[in-house]
Amino acid sequence: MRWPSSARNKLTISFFPVKTKRVATTFKLPKVGSFLLLILIWSIFCNQFEQDAFNLVSRESIILVVFLNLVLYLAFTALCVVCTRLPFLPARLIDPTVAKVPKWRKIAAGARFGKAEATAICFCAAAKGLVVGSPILDILYGGMTPAHRAIISIPLVLYQGEQIACGQLLTYLFRRWNREEDALVSDADSSEKA
């Protein structure tokens, strides 16, 4: 049986934390990963402009894709906020004086994340663009001409730019939101999860 790479990585980090950190710092693995990511993004953008993909698609299609990408990014971010904060659960779930609360509700209340964790989840969960989509497109449409693949990857390229712009704007909103007191999760609950 072959384990997924993410499971192997987590097991390696949890069983050998000191050695893993030493290898990562010695070989500067975060910088290597960032450099490889930059090369991947660069190659996708170069392919777009080499194939003149943006001129092969109508303006109306580009506007529609930009609008749909924006709606998808904001919808995924809102879904992440709702799933991490669980605002629809009543406050009495975390009240220890309430005697008869169903077990599933106690579990659900324990699954609430603090504002800082919810912010991190929102930025990470909705941020799937070129890095995930480009290899999938190459696998699914590998037999097509480079021009057709460049046209198919236009939504990914536009999503990348919109994600950066929306992320910059959302940074200000989340920063203001994180300054306010957290009414749903107490400080003790938030520190236990960290």
N, C-alpha and C. Protein backbone atom coordinates (compact mmCIF):
# COMPACT_ATOMS: atom_id res chain seq x y z
N MET A 1 0.83 -1.18 0.00
CA MET A 1 0.00 0.00 0.00
C MET A 1 0.88 1.25 0.00
N ARG A 2 0.55 2.17 -0.88
CA ARG A 2 1.34 3.39 -0.98
C ARG A 2 0.57 4.54 -0.33
N TRP A 3 1.21 5.24 0.57
CA TRP A 3 0.58 6.34 1.29
C TRP A 3 0.68 7.62 0.46
N PRO A 4 -0.31 8.49 0.56
CA PRO A 4 -0.21 9.79 -0.12
C PRO A 4 0.96 10.58 0.42
N SER A 5 1.53 11.44 -0.43
CA SER A 5 2.72 12.18 -0.03
C SER A 5 2.44 13.10 1.16
N SER A 6 1.25 13.68 1.24
CA SER A 6 0.96 14.56 2.37
C SER A 6 0.97 13.79 3.69
N ALA A 7 0.47 12.54 3.66
CA ALA A 7 0.49 11.72 4.88
C ALA A 7 1.93 11.36 5.25
N ARG A 8 2.73 11.03 4.25
CA ARG A 8 4.14 10.72 4.53
C ARG A 8 4.85 11.94 5.10
N ASN A 9 4.57 13.11 4.53
CA ASN A 9 5.21 14.33 5.02
C ASN A 9 4.83 14.61 6.47
N LYS A 10 3.56 14.48 6.78
CA LYS A 10 3.11 14.74 8.15
C LYS A 10 3.71 13.74 9.13
N LEU A 11 3.77 12.47 8.74
CA LEU A 11 4.38 11.47 9.62
C LEU A 11 5.86 11.74 9.82
N THR A 12 6.56 12.11 8.75
CA THR A 12 7.98 12.41 8.86
C THR A 12 8.21 13.60 9.79
N ILE A 13 7.43 14.64 9.63
CA ILE A 13 7.59 15.83 10.46
C ILE A 13 7.25 15.53 11.92
N SER A 14 6.21 14.70 12.15
CA SER A 14 5.83 14.44 13.54
C SER A 14 6.79 13.48 14.24
N PHE A 15 7.40 12.53 13.51
CA PHE A 15 8.32 11.59 14.15
C PHE A 15 9.75 12.12 14.21
N PHE A 16 10.14 12.95 13.27
CA PHE A 16 11.51 13.48 13.23
C PHE A 16 11.50 15.00 13.10
N PRO A 17 10.96 15.72 14.08
CA PRO A 17 10.84 17.17 13.92
C PRO A 17 12.18 17.89 13.86
N VAL A 18 13.14 17.48 14.67
CA VAL A 18 14.44 18.17 14.71
C VAL A 18 15.21 17.93 13.42
N LYS A 19 15.27 16.67 12.98
CA LYS A 19 16.00 16.35 11.75
C LYS A 19 15.33 16.99 10.53
N THR A 20 14.01 16.99 10.51
CA THR A 20 13.30 17.59 9.39
C THR A 20 13.58 19.09 9.31
N LYS A 21 13.56 19.75 10.46
CA LYS A 21 13.84 21.18 10.47
C LYS A 21 15.28 21.45 10.05
N ARG A 22 16.22 20.62 10.51
CA ARG A 22 17.62 20.81 10.15
C ARG A 22 17.84 20.63 8.65
N VAL A 23 17.21 19.62 8.06
CA VAL A 23 17.35 19.40 6.61
C VAL A 23 16.72 20.56 5.84
N ALA A 24 15.56 21.02 6.30
CA ALA A 24 14.88 22.12 5.61
C ALA A 24 15.69 23.40 5.66
N THR A 25 16.33 23.69 6.80
CA THR A 25 17.12 24.91 6.90
C THR A 25 18.48 24.77 6.21
N THR A 26 19.08 23.58 6.29
CA THR A 26 20.39 23.37 5.66
C THR A 26 20.29 23.51 4.15
N PHE A 27 19.31 22.88 3.56
CA PHE A 27 19.17 22.90 2.10
C PHE A 27 18.25 24.01 1.61
N LYS A 28 17.78 24.87 2.53
CA LYS A 28 16.92 26.00 2.20
C LYS A 28 15.74 25.57 1.34
N LEU A 29 15.04 24.53 1.81
CA LEU A 29 13.93 23.96 1.06
C LEU A 29 12.77 24.93 0.82
N PRO A 30 12.42 25.80 1.78
CA PRO A 30 11.35 26.76 1.46
C PRO A 30 11.71 27.68 0.29
N LYS A 31 12.97 28.09 0.22
CA LYS A 31 13.39 28.95 -0.90
C LYS A 31 13.41 28.18 -2.21
N VAL A 32 13.82 26.92 -2.16
CA VAL A 32 13.81 26.09 -3.36
C VAL A 32 12.37 25.90 -3.85
N GLY A 33 11.46 25.64 -2.92
CA GLY A 33 10.06 25.47 -3.29
C GLY A 33 9.48 26.74 -3.89
N SER A 34 9.81 27.89 -3.31
CA SER A 34 9.32 29.17 -3.84
C SER A 34 9.90 29.43 -5.23
N PHE A 35 11.16 29.08 -5.43
CA PHE A 35 11.79 29.28 -6.73
C PHE A 35 11.13 28.39 -7.79
N LEU A 36 10.87 27.14 -7.45
CA LEU A 36 10.21 26.24 -8.40
C LEU A 36 8.79 26.69 -8.71
N LEU A 37 8.10 27.20 -7.71
CA LEU A 37 6.76 27.74 -7.92
C LEU A 37 6.81 28.95 -8.86
N LEU A 38 7.79 29.80 -8.68
CA LEU A 38 7.95 30.96 -9.55
C LEU A 38 8.25 30.54 -10.98
N ILE A 39 9.05 29.51 -11.16
CA ILE A 39 9.34 29.01 -12.51
C ILE A 39 8.08 28.46 -13.16
N LEU A 40 7.26 27.74 -12.40
CA LEU A 40 6.02 27.20 -12.94
C LEU A 40 5.09 28.32 -13.39
N ILE A 41 4.92 29.33 -12.56
CA ILE A 41 4.05 30.46 -12.91
C ILE A 41 4.61 31.21 -14.11
N TRP A 42 5.92 31.41 -14.13
CA TRP A 42 6.56 32.09 -15.26
C TRP A 42 6.33 31.33 -16.56
N SER A 43 6.48 30.03 -16.53
CA SER A 43 6.30 29.25 -17.77
C SER A 43 4.87 29.30 -18.27
N ILE A 44 3.90 29.33 -17.36
CA ILE A 44 2.50 29.40 -17.77
C ILE A 44 2.21 30.76 -18.41
N PHE A 45 2.68 31.83 -17.80
CA PHE A 45 2.47 33.15 -18.37
C PHE A 45 3.19 33.29 -19.71
N CYS A 46 4.39 32.76 -19.82
CA CYS A 46 5.11 32.82 -21.09
C CYS A 46 4.35 32.08 -22.18
N ASN A 47 3.79 30.93 -21.84
CA ASN A 47 3.01 30.16 -22.82
C ASN A 47 1.79 30.95 -23.27
N GLN A 48 1.14 31.65 -22.33
CA GLN A 48 -0.03 32.46 -22.68
C GLN A 48 0.31 33.52 -23.72
N PHE A 49 1.40 34.24 -23.48
CA PHE A 49 1.75 35.33 -24.38
C PHE A 49 2.40 34.83 -25.67
N GLU A 50 3.12 33.72 -25.60
CA GLU A 50 3.71 33.16 -26.81
C GLU A 50 2.62 32.69 -27.78
N GLN A 51 1.58 32.10 -27.26
CA GLN A 51 0.49 31.59 -28.10
C GLN A 51 -0.54 32.68 -28.42
N ASP A 52 -0.36 33.88 -27.89
CA ASP A 52 -1.28 35.00 -28.13
C ASP A 52 -2.71 34.62 -27.76
N ALA A 53 -2.84 33.94 -26.62
CA ALA A 53 -4.13 33.38 -26.22
C ALA A 53 -5.17 34.44 -25.91
N PHE A 54 -4.75 35.57 -25.36
CA PHE A 54 -5.73 36.58 -24.98
C PHE A 54 -6.37 37.25 -26.20
N ASN A 55 -5.68 37.25 -27.32
CA ASN A 55 -6.26 37.82 -28.54
C ASN A 55 -7.12 36.81 -29.29
N LEU A 56 -7.02 35.55 -28.96
CA LEU A 56 -7.82 34.53 -29.62
C LEU A 56 -9.21 34.38 -28.99
N VAL A 57 -9.40 34.99 -27.83
CA VAL A 57 -10.66 34.90 -27.11
C VAL A 57 -11.34 36.27 -27.14
N SER A 58 -12.66 36.29 -27.25
CA SER A 58 -13.39 37.55 -27.33
C SER A 58 -13.33 38.30 -26.00
N ARG A 59 -13.53 39.63 -26.08
CA ARG A 59 -13.53 40.46 -24.87
C ARG A 59 -14.65 40.06 -23.93
N GLU A 60 -15.81 39.73 -24.50
CA GLU A 60 -16.95 39.34 -23.68
C GLU A 60 -16.64 38.10 -22.85
N SER A 61 -15.93 37.17 -23.48
CA SER A 61 -15.55 35.94 -22.75
C SER A 61 -14.59 36.26 -21.61
N ILE A 62 -13.64 37.14 -21.87
CA ILE A 62 -12.68 37.53 -20.83
C ILE A 62 -13.40 38.21 -19.67
N ILE A 63 -14.33 39.11 -19.99
CA ILE A 63 -15.09 39.81 -18.94
C ILE A 63 -15.91 38.82 -18.13
N LEU A 64 -16.54 37.88 -18.81
CA LEU A 64 -17.33 36.86 -18.11
C LEU A 64 -16.45 36.02 -17.19
N VAL A 65 -15.28 35.62 -17.68
CA VAL A 65 -14.37 34.80 -16.87
C VAL A 65 -13.87 35.59 -15.66
N VAL A 66 -13.56 36.87 -15.86
CA VAL A 66 -13.10 37.71 -14.74
C VAL A 66 -14.21 37.80 -13.69
N PHE A 67 -15.44 38.05 -14.13
CA PHE A 67 -16.56 38.15 -13.19
C PHE A 67 -16.79 36.82 -12.47
N LEU A 68 -16.79 35.70 -13.18
CA LEU A 68 -17.01 34.39 -12.55
C LEU A 68 -15.88 34.04 -11.58
N ASN A 69 -14.65 34.36 -11.95
CA ASN A 69 -13.52 34.12 -11.06
C ASN A 69 -13.66 34.92 -9.77
N LEU A 70 -14.08 36.16 -9.90
CA LEU A 70 -14.26 37.01 -8.73
C LEU A 70 -15.35 36.46 -7.82
N VAL A 71 -16.47 36.06 -8.41
CA VAL A 71 -17.57 35.49 -7.63
C VAL A 71 -17.12 34.19 -6.95
N LEU A 72 -16.40 33.34 -7.68
CA LEU A 72 -15.94 32.07 -7.09
C LEU A 72 -14.98 32.31 -5.94
N TYR A 73 -14.04 33.23 -6.10
CA TYR A 73 -13.08 33.49 -5.03
C TYR A 73 -13.78 34.01 -3.79
N LEU A 74 -14.67 34.97 -3.97
CA LEU A 74 -15.37 35.53 -2.82
C LEU A 74 -16.31 34.51 -2.19
N ALA A 75 -16.94 33.66 -3.01
CA ALA A 75 -17.83 32.63 -2.47
C ALA A 75 -17.05 31.59 -1.68
N PHE A 76 -15.89 31.18 -2.20
CA PHE A 76 -15.07 30.21 -1.46
C PHE A 76 -14.56 30.81 -0.16
N THR A 77 -14.20 32.09 -0.18
CA THR A 77 -13.73 32.74 1.05
C THR A 77 -14.87 32.83 2.07
N ALA A 78 -16.05 33.20 1.61
CA ALA A 78 -17.21 33.27 2.53
C ALA A 78 -17.54 31.88 3.08
N LEU A 79 -17.48 30.86 2.24
CA LEU A 79 -17.72 29.49 2.69
C LEU A 79 -16.70 29.07 3.74
N CYS A 80 -15.46 29.47 3.56
CA CYS A 80 -14.43 29.16 4.55
C CYS A 80 -14.71 29.84 5.89
N VAL A 81 -15.17 31.09 5.84
CA VAL A 81 -15.50 31.80 7.08
C VAL A 81 -16.63 31.07 7.80
N VAL A 82 -17.67 30.69 7.06
CA VAL A 82 -18.82 30.02 7.67
C VAL A 82 -18.41 28.66 8.23
N CYS A 83 -17.62 27.91 7.49
CA CYS A 83 -17.24 26.56 7.95
C CYS A 83 -16.27 26.60 9.13
N THR A 84 -15.43 27.61 9.21
CA THR A 84 -14.47 27.66 10.31
C THR A 84 -15.04 28.32 11.57
N ARG A 85 -15.96 29.25 11.38
CA ARG A 85 -16.51 29.97 12.53
C ARG A 85 -17.81 29.38 13.04
N LEU A 86 -18.56 28.69 12.19
CA LEU A 86 -19.85 28.09 12.55
C LEU A 86 -20.75 29.08 13.28
N PRO A 87 -21.05 30.23 12.66
CA PRO A 87 -21.82 31.26 13.36
C PRO A 87 -23.28 30.89 13.57
N PHE A 88 -23.77 29.89 12.88
CA PHE A 88 -25.17 29.50 12.99
C PHE A 88 -25.46 28.66 14.23
N LEU A 89 -24.42 28.19 14.93
CA LEU A 89 -24.62 27.42 16.16
C LEU A 89 -24.92 28.39 17.30
N PRO A 90 -25.87 28.07 18.14
CA PRO A 90 -26.20 28.97 19.25
C PRO A 90 -25.06 29.06 20.27
N ALA A 91 -25.00 30.20 20.94
CA ALA A 91 -23.93 30.44 21.92
C ALA A 91 -24.04 29.52 23.12
N ARG A 92 -25.21 28.96 23.39
CA ARG A 92 -25.38 28.10 24.57
C ARG A 92 -24.59 26.80 24.46
N LEU A 93 -24.07 26.49 23.27
CA LEU A 93 -23.28 25.27 23.13
C LEU A 93 -21.97 25.35 23.89
N ILE A 94 -21.43 26.53 24.01
CA ILE A 94 -20.16 26.66 24.72
C ILE A 94 -20.36 27.09 26.17
N ASP A 95 -21.60 27.20 26.57
CA ASP A 95 -21.93 27.57 27.94
C ASP A 95 -21.92 26.30 28.81
N PRO A 96 -21.01 26.20 29.79
CA PRO A 96 -20.92 24.98 30.61
C PRO A 96 -22.10 24.78 31.55
N THR A 97 -22.93 25.80 31.75
CA THR A 97 -24.06 25.66 32.68
C THR A 97 -25.24 24.94 32.05
N VAL A 98 -25.27 24.84 30.73
CA VAL A 98 -26.37 24.15 30.05
C VAL A 98 -26.16 22.65 30.23
N ALA A 99 -27.17 21.98 30.77
CA ALA A 99 -27.03 20.57 31.12
C ALA A 99 -27.23 19.63 29.94
N LYS A 100 -28.32 19.73 29.24
CA LYS A 100 -28.67 18.76 28.20
C LYS A 100 -28.38 19.33 26.81
N VAL A 101 -27.20 19.08 26.33
CA VAL A 101 -26.83 19.48 24.97
C VAL A 101 -26.43 18.20 24.23
N PRO A 102 -26.98 17.97 23.03
CA PRO A 102 -26.60 16.77 22.30
C PRO A 102 -25.10 16.71 22.03
N LYS A 103 -24.59 15.48 21.98
CA LYS A 103 -23.16 15.29 21.82
C LYS A 103 -22.64 15.86 20.51
N TRP A 104 -23.41 15.73 19.43
CA TRP A 104 -22.97 16.23 18.13
C TRP A 104 -22.81 17.74 18.15
N ARG A 105 -23.64 18.43 18.96
CA ARG A 105 -23.52 19.88 19.04
C ARG A 105 -22.27 20.30 19.82
N LYS A 106 -21.93 19.52 20.85
CA LYS A 106 -20.70 19.81 21.59
C LYS A 106 -19.48 19.63 20.69
N ILE A 107 -19.52 18.58 19.87
CA ILE A 107 -18.41 18.35 18.93
C ILE A 107 -18.33 19.48 17.92
N ALA A 108 -19.47 19.89 17.41
CA ALA A 108 -19.51 20.99 16.44
C ALA A 108 -19.00 22.28 17.05
N ALA A 109 -19.37 22.55 18.30
CA ALA A 109 -18.89 23.77 18.96
C ALA A 109 -17.39 23.70 19.19
N GLY A 110 -16.86 22.51 19.44
CA GLY A 110 -15.41 22.36 19.60
C GLY A 110 -14.65 22.50 18.30
N ALA A 111 -15.36 22.41 17.19
CA ALA A 111 -14.71 22.54 15.88
C ALA A 111 -14.59 23.98 15.42
N ARG A 112 -15.08 24.91 16.23
CA ARG A 112 -14.98 26.32 15.88
C ARG A 112 -13.53 26.78 15.99
N PHE A 113 -13.11 27.55 15.00
CA PHE A 113 -11.76 28.10 15.01
C PHE A 113 -11.83 29.56 15.45
N GLY A 114 -10.72 30.04 15.99
CA GLY A 114 -10.62 31.45 16.34
C GLY A 114 -10.49 32.30 15.08
N LYS A 115 -10.51 33.62 15.28
CA LYS A 115 -10.45 34.51 14.13
C LYS A 115 -9.12 34.41 13.38
N ALA A 116 -8.03 34.27 14.10
CA ALA A 116 -6.73 34.17 13.43
C ALA A 116 -6.63 32.91 12.58
N GLU A 117 -7.09 31.79 13.13
CA GLU A 117 -7.06 30.54 12.37
C GLU A 117 -8.01 30.60 11.18
N ALA A 118 -9.19 31.20 11.38
CA ALA A 118 -10.16 31.32 10.29
C ALA A 118 -9.60 32.18 9.17
N THR A 119 -8.88 33.23 9.52
CA THR A 119 -8.26 34.09 8.50
C THR A 119 -7.23 33.31 7.70
N ALA A 120 -6.40 32.55 8.38
CA ALA A 120 -5.38 31.74 7.67
C ALA A 120 -6.05 30.71 6.76
N ILE A 121 -7.09 30.07 7.24
CA ILE A 121 -7.79 29.07 6.44
C ILE A 121 -8.42 29.72 5.21
N CYS A 122 -8.98 30.92 5.37
CA CYS A 122 -9.60 31.61 4.24
C CYS A 122 -8.57 31.93 3.15
N PHE A 123 -7.39 32.36 3.56
CA PHE A 123 -6.37 32.69 2.56
C PHE A 123 -5.78 31.44 1.91
N CYS A 124 -5.69 30.36 2.65
CA CYS A 124 -5.09 29.14 2.08
C CYS A 124 -6.08 28.32 1.27
N ALA A 125 -7.32 28.22 1.72
CA ALA A 125 -8.28 27.33 1.06
C ALA A 125 -8.72 27.85 -0.29
N ALA A 126 -8.92 29.15 -0.42
CA ALA A 126 -9.40 29.70 -1.69
C ALA A 126 -8.26 29.98 -2.66
N ALA A 127 -7.03 29.79 -2.22
CA ALA A 127 -5.87 30.14 -3.04
C ALA A 127 -5.35 28.96 -3.84
N LYS A 128 -6.19 28.40 -4.64
CA LYS A 128 -5.76 27.30 -5.51
C LYS A 128 -5.87 27.80 -6.94
N GLY A 129 -4.78 28.03 -7.57
CA GLY A 129 -4.81 28.60 -8.91
C GLY A 129 -3.91 27.84 -9.85
N LEU A 130 -2.89 28.54 -10.30
CA LEU A 130 -1.98 27.98 -11.31
C LEU A 130 -1.23 26.76 -10.82
N VAL A 131 -0.87 26.74 -9.57
CA VAL A 131 -0.04 25.65 -9.06
C VAL A 131 -0.78 24.32 -9.11
N VAL A 132 -2.06 24.33 -8.80
CA VAL A 132 -2.85 23.10 -8.83
C VAL A 132 -3.44 22.87 -10.21
N GLY A 133 -3.94 23.94 -10.82
CA GLY A 133 -4.67 23.80 -12.08
C GLY A 133 -3.83 23.51 -13.29
N SER A 134 -2.63 24.06 -13.35
CA SER A 134 -1.79 23.86 -14.53
C SER A 134 -1.38 22.41 -14.74
N PRO A 135 -0.89 21.71 -13.71
CA PRO A 135 -0.58 20.29 -13.93
C PRO A 135 -1.81 19.46 -14.29
N ILE A 136 -2.97 19.81 -13.72
CA ILE A 136 -4.20 19.09 -14.06
C ILE A 136 -4.56 19.32 -15.52
N LEU A 137 -4.43 20.57 -15.98
CA LEU A 137 -4.71 20.85 -17.39
C LEU A 137 -3.74 20.11 -18.31
N ASP A 138 -2.47 20.05 -17.92
CA ASP A 138 -1.50 19.32 -18.74
C ASP A 138 -1.83 17.84 -18.81
N ILE A 139 -2.34 17.28 -17.73
CA ILE A 139 -2.70 15.87 -17.74
C ILE A 139 -3.95 15.64 -18.57
N LEU A 140 -4.97 16.47 -18.37
CA LEU A 140 -6.24 16.27 -19.06
C LEU A 140 -6.17 16.63 -20.54
N TYR A 141 -5.45 17.69 -20.87
CA TYR A 141 -5.43 18.18 -22.25
C TYR A 141 -4.03 18.13 -22.85
N GLY A 142 -3.24 17.17 -22.46
CA GLY A 142 -1.87 17.06 -22.94
C GLY A 142 -1.76 16.81 -24.43
N GLY A 143 -2.76 16.20 -25.04
CA GLY A 143 -2.72 15.91 -26.47
C GLY A 143 -3.12 17.07 -27.35
N MET A 144 -3.57 18.15 -26.77
CA MET A 144 -3.99 19.31 -27.56
C MET A 144 -2.78 20.16 -27.95
N THR A 145 -3.00 21.03 -28.90
CA THR A 145 -1.92 21.93 -29.32
C THR A 145 -1.64 22.95 -28.21
N PRO A 146 -0.43 23.51 -28.19
CA PRO A 146 -0.12 24.52 -27.17
C PRO A 146 -1.07 25.73 -27.21
N ALA A 147 -1.55 26.09 -28.39
CA ALA A 147 -2.47 27.23 -28.50
C ALA A 147 -3.79 26.92 -27.80
N HIS A 148 -4.31 25.71 -27.99
CA HIS A 148 -5.56 25.34 -27.33
C HIS A 148 -5.39 25.23 -25.81
N ARG A 149 -4.26 24.69 -25.37
CA ARG A 149 -4.00 24.61 -23.93
C ARG A 149 -3.86 25.99 -23.33
N ALA A 150 -3.27 26.93 -24.09
CA ALA A 150 -3.14 28.30 -23.59
C ALA A 150 -4.51 28.95 -23.44
N ILE A 151 -5.41 28.67 -24.38
CA ILE A 151 -6.76 29.23 -24.29
C ILE A 151 -7.50 28.61 -23.10
N ILE A 152 -7.34 27.32 -22.91
CA ILE A 152 -8.02 26.64 -21.80
C ILE A 152 -7.51 27.15 -20.45
N SER A 153 -6.25 27.55 -20.38
CA SER A 153 -5.69 27.99 -19.10
C SER A 153 -5.90 29.48 -18.82
N ILE A 154 -6.59 30.20 -19.69
CA ILE A 154 -6.86 31.63 -19.45
C ILE A 154 -7.58 31.86 -18.12
N PRO A 155 -8.62 31.08 -17.79
CA PRO A 155 -9.26 31.32 -16.48
C PRO A 155 -8.31 31.16 -15.30
N LEU A 156 -7.38 30.23 -15.39
CA LEU A 156 -6.41 30.06 -14.30
C LEU A 156 -5.49 31.27 -14.18
N VAL A 157 -5.04 31.77 -15.31
CA VAL A 157 -4.14 32.93 -15.30
C VAL A 157 -4.86 34.15 -14.74
N LEU A 158 -6.10 34.34 -15.16
CA LEU A 158 -6.86 35.48 -14.64
C LEU A 158 -7.18 35.30 -13.16
N TYR A 159 -7.48 34.07 -12.74
CA TYR A 159 -7.78 33.80 -11.34
C TYR A 159 -6.57 34.13 -10.46
N GLN A 160 -5.38 33.84 -10.96
CA GLN A 160 -4.16 34.12 -10.19
C GLN A 160 -4.06 35.62 -9.89
N GLY A 161 -4.26 36.45 -10.91
CA GLY A 161 -4.19 37.89 -10.71
C GLY A 161 -5.30 38.41 -9.82
N GLU A 162 -6.51 37.90 -10.03
CA GLU A 162 -7.64 38.33 -9.20
C GLU A 162 -7.46 37.89 -7.76
N GLN A 163 -6.90 36.73 -7.58
CA GLN A 163 -6.67 36.22 -6.23
C GLN A 163 -5.70 37.13 -5.48
N ILE A 164 -4.66 37.58 -6.16
CA ILE A 164 -3.70 38.48 -5.52
C ILE A 164 -4.36 39.81 -5.18
N ALA A 165 -5.14 40.36 -6.12
CA ALA A 165 -5.80 41.65 -5.88
C ALA A 165 -6.84 41.53 -4.77
N CYS A 166 -7.67 40.50 -4.81
CA CYS A 166 -8.69 40.32 -3.76
C CYS A 166 -8.04 40.03 -2.41
N GLY A 167 -6.98 39.25 -2.43
CA GLY A 167 -6.27 38.95 -1.19
C GLY A 167 -5.71 40.20 -0.54
N GLN A 168 -5.22 41.12 -1.38
CA GLN A 168 -4.71 42.38 -0.84
C GLN A 168 -5.83 43.18 -0.19
N LEU A 169 -6.99 43.24 -0.82
CA LEU A 169 -8.12 43.96 -0.24
C LEU A 169 -8.67 43.26 0.99
N LEU A 170 -8.74 41.94 0.94
CA LEU A 170 -9.26 41.19 2.09
C LEU A 170 -8.33 41.27 3.30
N THR A 171 -7.05 41.53 3.06
CA THR A 171 -6.11 41.67 4.16
C THR A 171 -6.55 42.78 5.11
N TYR A 172 -6.99 43.90 4.55
CA TYR A 172 -7.44 45.01 5.38
C TYR A 172 -8.70 44.66 6.15
N LEU A 173 -9.64 43.98 5.48
CA LEU A 173 -10.88 43.59 6.15
C LEU A 173 -10.63 42.59 7.27
N PHE A 174 -9.79 41.58 7.00
CA PHE A 174 -9.50 40.58 8.03
C PHE A 174 -8.70 41.18 9.18
N ARG A 175 -7.82 42.12 8.88
CA ARG A 175 -7.05 42.75 9.94
C ARG A 175 -7.98 43.50 10.90
N ARG A 176 -8.93 44.24 10.34
CA ARG A 176 -9.90 44.96 11.18
C ARG A 176 -10.77 43.97 11.95
N TRP A 177 -11.19 42.89 11.29
CA TRP A 177 -12.04 41.88 11.93
C TRP A 177 -11.30 41.20 13.09
N ASN A 178 -10.00 40.94 12.92
CA ASN A 178 -9.21 40.27 13.96
C ASN A 178 -8.95 41.17 15.16
N ARG A 179 -9.04 42.47 14.99
CA ARG A 179 -8.84 43.39 16.12
C ARG A 179 -10.01 43.35 17.09
N GLU A 180 -11.20 43.03 16.58
CA GLU A 180 -12.38 42.98 17.43
C GLU A 180 -12.34 41.75 18.33
N GLU A 181 -13.05 41.84 19.45
CA GLU A 181 -13.10 40.72 20.38
C GLU A 181 -13.83 39.53 19.74
N ASP A 182 -13.34 38.34 20.03
CA ASP A 182 -13.93 37.13 19.46
C ASP A 182 -15.05 36.65 20.37
N ALA A 183 -16.29 36.79 19.89
CA ALA A 183 -17.45 36.42 20.70
C ALA A 183 -17.77 34.94 20.62
N LEU A 184 -17.32 34.27 19.56
CA LEU A 184 -17.69 32.85 19.38
C LEU A 184 -16.72 31.88 20.02
N VAL A 185 -15.45 32.25 20.11
CA VAL A 185 -14.44 31.34 20.67
C VAL A 185 -13.70 32.06 21.77
N SER A 186 -13.59 31.40 22.92
CA SER A 186 -12.84 32.00 24.01
C SER A 186 -11.35 31.84 23.76
N ASP A 187 -10.53 32.61 24.47
CA ASP A 187 -9.08 32.54 24.30
C ASP A 187 -8.55 31.18 24.68
N ALA A 188 -9.15 30.53 25.66
CA ALA A 188 -8.69 29.20 26.07
C ALA A 188 -8.93 28.17 24.98
N ASP A 189 -10.09 28.25 24.32
CA ASP A 189 -10.38 27.31 23.24
C ASP A 189 -9.45 27.52 22.07
N SER A 190 -9.16 28.79 21.75
CA SER A 190 -8.31 29.10 20.62
C SER A 190 -6.88 28.64 20.86
N SER A 191 -6.36 28.79 22.10
CA SER A 191 -4.99 28.38 22.39
C SER A 191 -4.86 26.87 22.45
N GLU A 192 -5.94 26.16 22.79
CA GLU A 192 -5.87 24.70 22.82
C GLU A 192 -5.68 24.12 21.43
N LYS A 193 -6.26 24.75 20.39
CA LYS A 193 -6.15 24.25 19.03
C LYS A 193 -4.79 24.53 18.45
N ALA A 194 -4.13 25.58 18.89
CA ALA A 194 -2.83 25.95 18.35
C ALA A 194 -1.77 25.06 18.88
